[in-house]
Amino acid sequence: MTILVVHGPNLNLLGEREPGVYGTLTLDELNAKIREHGRAKGCEIRTYQSNHEGRLLDALQRARRWASGIVINPGAYGHTSYALRDCIAGINTPTVEVHLSDVEAREPFRKISTIADVCIAKISGRGPQSYLDAIDLLLRKG
């Protein structure tokens, strides 16, 4: 099984940006943790990050040809992007929405997810464990 993990806007600043909210792990450290978890489960993990909505869409569309599942932290695009929602719906690849922070306990606009209805699950508020739980869920759904 091969899973694509997609990190949206501003996640390249992990470890620097609001560490009280997002933690001190850098994106490279998070990706290493995610890949190690995948290896331990016999799964290949590929990662991608972009601050650009169109590039995220392109990566998701390409992945429909090879990915068994997708884990996506859409960042703020998860609250605003109908293009992202339509892309996930259109590629027909099981997708899990994740967030490092507990978006339900934050600002009201963060409670809105434009992609939740086209994802098989949403996991948030568990820090890096959110990603690992999403991978495990995709592996169970197989």
C-alpha atoms as a PDB file:
ATOM      1  CA  MET A   1       0.000   0.000   0.000  1.00  0.00           C
ATOM      2  CA  THR A   2       1.208   3.495  -0.836  1.00  0.00           C
ATOM      3  CA  ILE A   3      -0.179   6.559   0.935  1.00  0.00           C
ATOM      4  CA  LEU A   4       0.290  10.198  -0.006  1.00  0.00           C
ATOM      5  CA  VAL A   5       0.532  12.623   2.915  1.00  0.00           C
ATOM      6  CA  VAL A   6      -0.253  16.176   1.837  1.00  0.00           C
ATOM      7  CA  HIS A   7       0.612  19.225   3.912  1.00  0.00           C
ATOM      8  CA  GLY A   8      -1.096  22.474   2.979  1.00  0.00           C
ATOM      9  CA  PRO A   9      -0.210  26.130   3.439  1.00  0.00           C
ATOM     10  CA  ASN A  10       2.105  27.292   6.211  1.00  0.00           C
ATOM     11  CA  LEU A  11       2.965  23.769   7.325  1.00  0.00           C
ATOM     12  CA  ASN A  12       6.464  24.378   5.983  1.00  0.00           C
ATOM     13  CA  LEU A  13       6.821  26.670   9.038  1.00  0.00           C
ATOM     14  CA  LEU A  14       6.193  23.923  11.592  1.00  0.00           C
ATOM     15  CA  GLY A  15       8.516  24.255  14.555  1.00  0.00           C
ATOM     16  CA  GLU A  16       8.619  28.043  14.129  1.00  0.00           C
ATOM     17  CA  ARG A  17       4.977  29.060  13.679  1.00  0.00           C
ATOM     18  CA  GLU A  18       2.936  29.219  16.871  1.00  0.00           C
ATOM     19  CA  PRO A  19       4.693  26.346  18.662  1.00  0.00           C
ATOM     20  CA  GLY A  20       2.151  26.585  21.480  1.00  0.00           C
ATOM     21  CA  VAL A  21      -0.521  25.560  18.982  1.00  0.00           C
ATOM     22  CA  TYR A  22       1.356  23.376  16.492  1.00  0.00           C
ATOM     23  CA  GLY A  23       4.299  22.031  18.521  1.00  0.00           C
ATOM     24  CA  THR A  24       8.033  22.254  17.982  1.00  0.00           C
ATOM     25  CA  LEU A  25       8.482  19.445  15.455  1.00  0.00           C
ATOM     26  CA  THR A  26       9.649  20.716  12.074  1.00  0.00           C
ATOM     27  CA  LEU A  27       8.039  19.525   8.853  1.00  0.00           C
ATOM     28  CA  ASP A  28      11.118  17.429   8.050  1.00  0.00           C
ATOM     29  CA  GLU A  29      10.953  15.809  11.489  1.00  0.00           C
ATOM     30  CA  LEU A  30       7.228  15.190  11.118  1.00  0.00           C
ATOM     31  CA  ASN A  31       7.722  13.618   7.687  1.00  0.00           C
ATOM     32  CA  ALA A  32      10.465  11.358   9.069  1.00  0.00           C
ATOM     33  CA  LYS A  33       8.137  10.234  11.862  1.00  0.00           C
ATOM     34  CA  ILE A  34       5.329   9.588   9.369  1.00  0.00           C
ATOM     35  CA  ARG A  35       7.592   7.619   7.002  1.00  0.00           C
ATOM     36  CA  GLU A  36       8.984   5.532   9.876  1.00  0.00           C
ATOM     37  CA  HIS A  37       5.447   4.726  11.008  1.00  0.00           C
ATOM     38  CA  GLY A  38       4.585   3.655   7.471  1.00  0.00           C
ATOM     39  CA  ARG A  39       7.695   1.463   7.197  1.00  0.00           C
ATOM     40  CA  ALA A  40       6.831  -0.218  10.497  1.00  0.00           C
ATOM     41  CA  LYS A  41       3.377  -0.997   9.081  1.00  0.00           C
ATOM     42  CA  GLY A  42       4.719  -2.217   5.715  1.00  0.00           C
ATOM     43  CA  CYS A  43       3.444   0.810   3.866  1.00  0.00           C
ATOM     44  CA  GLU A  44       5.195   3.298   1.596  1.00  0.00           C
ATOM     45  CA  ILE A  45       4.588   6.936   2.478  1.00  0.00           C
ATOM     46  CA  ARG A  46       5.158   9.789   0.059  1.00  0.00           C
ATOM     47  CA  THR A  47       4.881  13.366   1.307  1.00  0.00           C
ATOM     48  CA  TYR A  48       4.121  16.650  -0.391  1.00  0.00           C
ATOM     49  CA  GLN A  49       3.782  20.236   0.874  1.00  0.00           C
ATOM     50  CA  SER A  50       2.726  23.381  -0.910  1.00  0.00           C
ATOM     51  CA  ASN A  51       1.418  26.800  -0.031  1.00  0.00           C
ATOM     52  CA  HIS A  52      -0.339  26.966  -3.417  1.00  0.00           C
ATOM     53  CA  GLU A  53      -3.856  25.649  -3.861  1.00  0.00           C
ATOM     54  CA  GLY A  54      -3.391  24.674  -7.504  1.00  0.00           C
ATOM     55  CA  ARG A  55      -0.250  22.684  -6.753  1.00  0.00           C
ATOM     56  CA  LEU A  56      -2.098  20.780  -4.033  1.00  0.00           C
ATOM     57  CA  LEU A  57      -4.830  19.958  -6.555  1.00  0.00           C
ATOM     58  CA  ASP A  58      -2.240  18.808  -9.098  1.00  0.00           C
ATOM     59  CA  ALA A  59      -0.568  16.531  -6.512  1.00  0.00           C
ATOM     60  CA  LEU A  60      -3.899  14.984  -5.527  1.00  0.00           C
ATOM     61  CA  GLN A  61      -4.907  14.427  -9.138  1.00  0.00           C
ATOM     62  CA  ARG A  62      -1.568  12.750  -9.932  1.00  0.00           C
ATOM     63  CA  ALA A  63      -1.914  10.534  -6.843  1.00  0.00           C
ATOM     64  CA  ARG A  64      -5.195   9.057  -8.079  1.00  0.00           C
ATOM     65  CA  ARG A  65      -3.093   6.873 -10.402  1.00  0.00           C
ATOM     66  CA  TRP A  66      -0.891   5.322  -7.684  1.00  0.00           C
ATOM     67  CA  ALA A  67      -2.042   6.103  -4.123  1.00  0.00           C
ATOM     68  CA  SER A  68      -4.101   3.631  -2.129  1.00  0.00           C
ATOM     69  CA  GLY A  69      -5.064   6.432   0.235  1.00  0.00           C
ATOM     70  CA  ILE A  70      -4.404  10.067   1.090  1.00  0.00           C
ATOM     71  CA  VAL A  71      -3.859  11.870   4.368  1.00  0.00           C
ATOM     72  CA  ILE A  72      -4.311  15.612   4.008  1.00  0.00           C
ATOM     73  CA  ASN A  73      -3.740  18.482   6.369  1.00  0.00           C
ATOM     74  CA  PRO A  74      -5.312  21.167   4.217  1.00  0.00           C
ATOM     75  CA  GLY A  75      -4.412  24.015   6.573  1.00  0.00           C
ATOM     76  CA  ALA A  76      -6.641  27.038   6.014  1.00  0.00           C
ATOM     77  CA  TYR A  77      -7.747  25.668   2.622  1.00  0.00           C
ATOM     78  CA  GLY A  78      -9.810  23.137   4.551  1.00  0.00           C
ATOM     79  CA  HIS A  79     -12.047  25.997   5.666  1.00  0.00           C
ATOM     80  CA  THR A  80     -12.284  27.835   2.363  1.00  0.00           C
ATOM     81  CA  SER A  81     -11.518  25.720  -0.707  1.00  0.00           C
ATOM     82  CA  TYR A  82     -14.349  24.219  -2.692  1.00  0.00           C
ATOM     83  CA  ALA A  83     -11.801  23.437  -5.406  1.00  0.00           C
ATOM     84  CA  LEU A  84      -9.988  21.174  -2.931  1.00  0.00           C
ATOM     85  CA  ARG A  85     -13.294  19.568  -1.944  1.00  0.00           C
ATOM     86  CA  ASP A  86     -14.232  18.912  -5.574  1.00  0.00           C
ATOM     87  CA  CYS A  87     -10.790  17.490  -6.305  1.00  0.00           C
ATOM     88  CA  ILE A  88     -10.971  15.007  -3.414  1.00  0.00           C
ATOM     89  CA  ALA A  89     -14.487  13.999  -4.484  1.00  0.00           C
ATOM     90  CA  GLY A  90     -13.349  13.578  -8.081  1.00  0.00           C
ATOM     91  CA  ILE A  91     -10.265  11.436  -7.582  1.00  0.00           C
ATOM     92  CA  ASN A  92     -12.139   8.690  -5.719  1.00  0.00           C
ATOM     93  CA  THR A  93      -9.197   7.837  -3.429  1.00  0.00           C
ATOM     94  CA  PRO A  94      -9.933   7.265   0.279  1.00  0.00           C
ATOM     95  CA  THR A  95      -8.854  10.460   2.039  1.00  0.00           C
ATOM     96  CA  VAL A  96      -8.517  11.372   5.718  1.00  0.00           C
ATOM     97  CA  GLU A  97      -8.496  15.018   6.828  1.00  0.00           C
ATOM     98  CA  VAL A  98      -6.066  15.747   9.666  1.00  0.00           C
ATOM     99  CA  HIS A  99      -5.120  18.736  11.784  1.00  0.00           C
ATOM    100  CA  LEU A 100      -2.405  19.021  14.413  1.00  0.00           C
ATOM    101  CA  SER A 101      -4.485  21.298  16.627  1.00  0.00           C
ATOM    102  CA  ASP A 102      -8.017  20.791  17.889  1.00  0.00           C
ATOM    103  CA  VAL A 103      -9.789  22.907  15.282  1.00  0.00           C
ATOM    104  CA  GLU A 104     -13.121  22.491  17.068  1.00  0.00           C
ATOM    105  CA  ALA A 105     -11.750  24.325  20.127  1.00  0.00           C
ATOM    106  CA  ARG A 106     -10.298  27.252  18.199  1.00  0.00           C
ATOM    107  CA  GLU A 107     -11.745  30.199  16.294  1.00  0.00           C
ATOM    108  CA  PRO A 108     -15.281  29.682  14.932  1.00  0.00           C
ATOM    109  CA  PHE A 109     -14.170  29.692  11.271  1.00  0.00           C
ATOM    110  CA  ARG A 110     -11.940  26.666  11.933  1.00  0.00           C
ATOM    111  CA  LYS A 111     -14.989  24.546  12.774  1.00  0.00           C
ATOM    112  CA  ILE A 112     -16.023  24.717   9.109  1.00  0.00           C
ATOM    113  CA  SER A 113     -14.551  22.057   6.843  1.00  0.00           C
ATOM    114  CA  THR A 114     -15.247  22.237   3.141  1.00  0.00           C
ATOM    115  CA  ILE A 115     -13.719  18.767   2.656  1.00  0.00           C
ATOM    116  CA  ALA A 116     -15.129  16.733   5.574  1.00  0.00           C
ATOM    117  CA  ASP A 117     -18.062  15.353   3.574  1.00  0.00           C
ATOM    118  CA  VAL A 118     -15.756  13.882   0.912  1.00  0.00           C
ATOM    119  CA  CYS A 119     -13.249  12.397   3.376  1.00  0.00           C
ATOM    120  CA  ILE A 120     -13.706   9.074   5.152  1.00  0.00           C
ATOM    121  CA  ALA A 121     -12.707  10.639   8.503  1.00  0.00           C
ATOM    122  CA  LYS A 122     -11.388  13.758  10.199  1.00  0.00           C
ATOM    123  CA  ILE A 123      -8.761  13.498  12.940  1.00  0.00           C
ATOM    124  CA  SER A 124      -7.612  16.581  14.812  1.00  0.00           C
ATOM    125  CA  GLY A 125      -6.099  17.747  18.054  1.00  0.00           C
ATOM    126  CA  ARG A 126      -3.639  14.904  18.491  1.00  0.00           C
ATOM    127  CA  GLY A 127      -0.520  16.658  17.210  1.00  0.00           C
ATOM    128  CA  PRO A 128       1.644  14.413  15.021  1.00  0.00           C
ATOM    129  CA  GLN A 129      -0.375  11.408  16.217  1.00  0.00           C
ATOM    130  CA  SER A 130      -3.252  12.702  14.052  1.00  0.00           C
ATOM    131  CA  TYR A 131      -1.252  11.709  10.959  1.00  0.00           C
ATOM    132  CA  LEU A 132      -0.302   8.293  12.343  1.00  0.00           C
ATOM    133  CA  ASP A 133      -3.892   7.540  13.313  1.00  0.00           C
ATOM    134  CA  ALA A 134      -5.004   8.504   9.798  1.00  0.00           C
ATOM    135  CA  ILE A 135      -2.449   6.152   8.247  1.00  0.00           C
ATOM    136  CA  ASP A 136      -3.617   3.340  10.528  1.00  0.00           C
ATOM    137  CA  LEU A 137      -7.226   4.018   9.547  1.00  0.00           C
ATOM    138  CA  LEU A 138      -6.398   3.841   5.839  1.00  0.00           C
ATOM    139  CA  LEU A 139      -4.474   0.603   6.368  1.00  0.00           C
ATOM    140  CA  ARG A 140      -7.423  -0.945   8.216  1.00  0.00           C
ATOM    141  CA  LYS A 141      -9.794   0.095   5.401  1.00  0.00           C
ATOM    142  CA  GLY A 142      -7.231  -1.358   2.977  1.00  0.00           C
END
